[in-house]
Amino acid sequence: MDATEGDGAIRVEVAYALPTRQKIVELNVPADTTARQAVVMAELPQYFPEVPVETFLEADLGIFGKALRDPENHALREGDRVEVYRPLKIDPKAARAARAAKAAKSR
């Protein structure tokens, strides 16, 4: 469902990736579209049927690698790429601590 050129539409991308593949959906959307609305418009579940639909509705979002604090209210700008982040499987601090402990044991 793209907006048409000339009616205040902007071009944006929505990106989602799994470890083995990624999809970037190009959209023309109304100028007041929020990041979360763009994710819904991208219809990502059709490309990733193995991922629960809730993942796309609740996931953290970012623009070019910078996390958004309020994606439901963040209005997009021309050329933005909305990134849908997968949930972390392990806390980054815990992962670093585990790697450090493993390295210490192998010395």
Protein backbone atom coordinates (compact mmCIF):
# COMPACT_ATOMS: atom_id res chain seq x y z
CA MET A 1 0.00 0.00 0.00
CA ASP A 2 2.25 2.78 -1.26
CA ALA A 3 1.35 6.44 -1.35
CA THR A 4 1.63 7.95 -4.80
CA GLU A 5 4.33 10.38 -5.85
CA GLY A 6 3.40 14.05 -5.75
CA ASP A 7 0.97 13.87 -2.82
CA GLY A 8 3.52 14.50 -0.06
CA ALA A 9 4.86 10.96 -0.19
CA ILE A 10 8.35 10.07 0.93
CA ARG A 11 10.46 7.05 0.03
CA VAL A 12 11.65 4.89 2.92
CA GLU A 13 12.96 1.37 3.45
CA VAL A 14 12.10 -1.21 6.10
CA ALA A 15 14.74 -3.84 6.85
CA TYR A 16 14.64 -7.09 8.80
CA ALA A 17 17.28 -9.80 8.96
CA LEU A 18 17.65 -13.29 10.29
CA PRO A 19 21.11 -14.85 10.63
CA THR A 20 20.68 -16.53 7.24
CA ARG A 21 18.78 -13.95 5.18
CA GLN A 22 17.49 -10.40 5.06
CA LYS A 23 14.78 -8.40 3.33
CA ILE A 24 14.64 -4.69 2.60
CA VAL A 25 11.23 -3.42 1.51
CA GLU A 26 11.09 -0.09 -0.34
CA LEU A 27 7.95 1.96 0.29
CA ASN A 28 6.40 5.26 -0.70
CA VAL A 29 4.50 6.46 2.37
CA PRO A 30 2.67 9.63 3.45
CA ALA A 31 5.01 12.23 4.95
CA ASP A 32 3.53 11.83 8.44
CA THR A 33 4.12 8.04 8.61
CA THR A 34 5.72 6.77 11.80
CA ALA A 35 8.42 4.11 12.00
CA ARG A 36 6.00 1.55 13.45
CA GLN A 37 3.41 2.28 10.73
CA ALA A 38 6.05 1.73 8.04
CA VAL A 39 6.89 -1.67 9.51
CA VAL A 40 3.22 -2.66 9.30
CA MET A 41 3.02 -1.35 5.71
CA ALA A 42 6.09 -3.41 4.74
CA GLU A 43 4.14 -6.63 5.42
CA LEU A 44 7.24 -8.44 6.68
CA PRO A 45 5.38 -11.56 7.90
CA GLN A 46 4.87 -12.62 4.27
CA TYR A 47 8.66 -12.78 3.82
CA PHE A 48 9.33 -14.39 7.22
CA PRO A 49 6.40 -16.75 7.91
CA GLU A 50 8.45 -18.59 10.55
CA VAL A 51 8.64 -15.43 12.69
CA PRO A 52 5.65 -14.68 14.94
CA VAL A 53 3.68 -11.65 13.71
CA GLU A 54 4.00 -10.08 17.18
CA THR A 55 7.75 -9.80 16.61
CA PHE A 56 7.16 -7.11 13.99
CA LEU A 57 4.52 -5.31 16.05
CA GLU A 58 6.55 -5.20 19.27
CA ALA A 59 10.21 -5.22 18.19
CA ASP A 60 12.62 -2.43 18.93
CA LEU A 61 13.16 -0.25 15.88
CA GLY A 62 15.98 1.96 14.68
CA ILE A 63 16.95 4.26 11.84
CA PHE A 64 20.33 3.47 10.26
CA GLY A 65 21.60 1.69 13.40
CA LYS A 66 20.34 4.23 15.94
CA ALA A 67 17.62 2.86 18.22
CA LEU A 68 14.39 4.82 18.40
CA ARG A 69 13.01 5.64 21.85
CA ASP A 70 9.43 6.09 20.63
CA PRO A 71 8.90 4.37 17.26
CA GLU A 72 5.12 4.77 17.50
CA ASN A 73 5.54 8.56 17.29
CA HIS A 74 8.78 8.95 15.32
CA ALA A 75 7.85 10.53 11.97
CA LEU A 76 9.99 9.31 9.11
CA ARG A 77 11.96 11.46 6.70
CA GLU A 78 12.79 10.95 3.04
CA GLY A 79 15.35 8.17 2.65
CA ASP A 80 15.10 6.73 6.18
CA ARG A 81 15.73 3.00 6.60
CA VAL A 82 13.70 1.57 9.46
CA GLU A 83 15.44 -1.44 10.99
CA VAL A 84 13.46 -4.06 12.90
CA TYR A 85 15.66 -5.52 15.62
CA ARG A 86 15.43 -9.14 16.73
CA PRO A 87 15.21 -9.74 20.49
CA LEU A 88 18.49 -10.61 22.16
CA LYS A 89 18.93 -14.26 23.12
CA ILE A 90 21.42 -13.39 25.86
CA ASP A 91 22.25 -10.18 27.67
CA PRO A 92 25.42 -8.66 26.10
CA LYS A 93 27.04 -8.19 29.54
CA ALA A 94 26.42 -11.84 30.41
CA ALA A 95 27.84 -12.94 27.06
CA ARG A 96 31.04 -10.90 27.61
CA ALA A 97 31.42 -12.29 31.14
CA ALA A 98 31.02 -15.85 29.85
CA ARG A 99 33.65 -15.29 27.14
CA ALA A 100 36.05 -13.76 29.66
CA ALA A 101 35.57 -16.69 32.05
CA LYS A 102 36.14 -19.19 29.25
CA ALA A 103 39.31 -17.35 28.15
CA ALA A 104 40.60 -17.27 31.72
CA LYS A 105 40.12 -21.04 32.08
CA SER A 106 42.03 -21.78 28.88
CA ARG A 107 45.13 -19.88 30.00
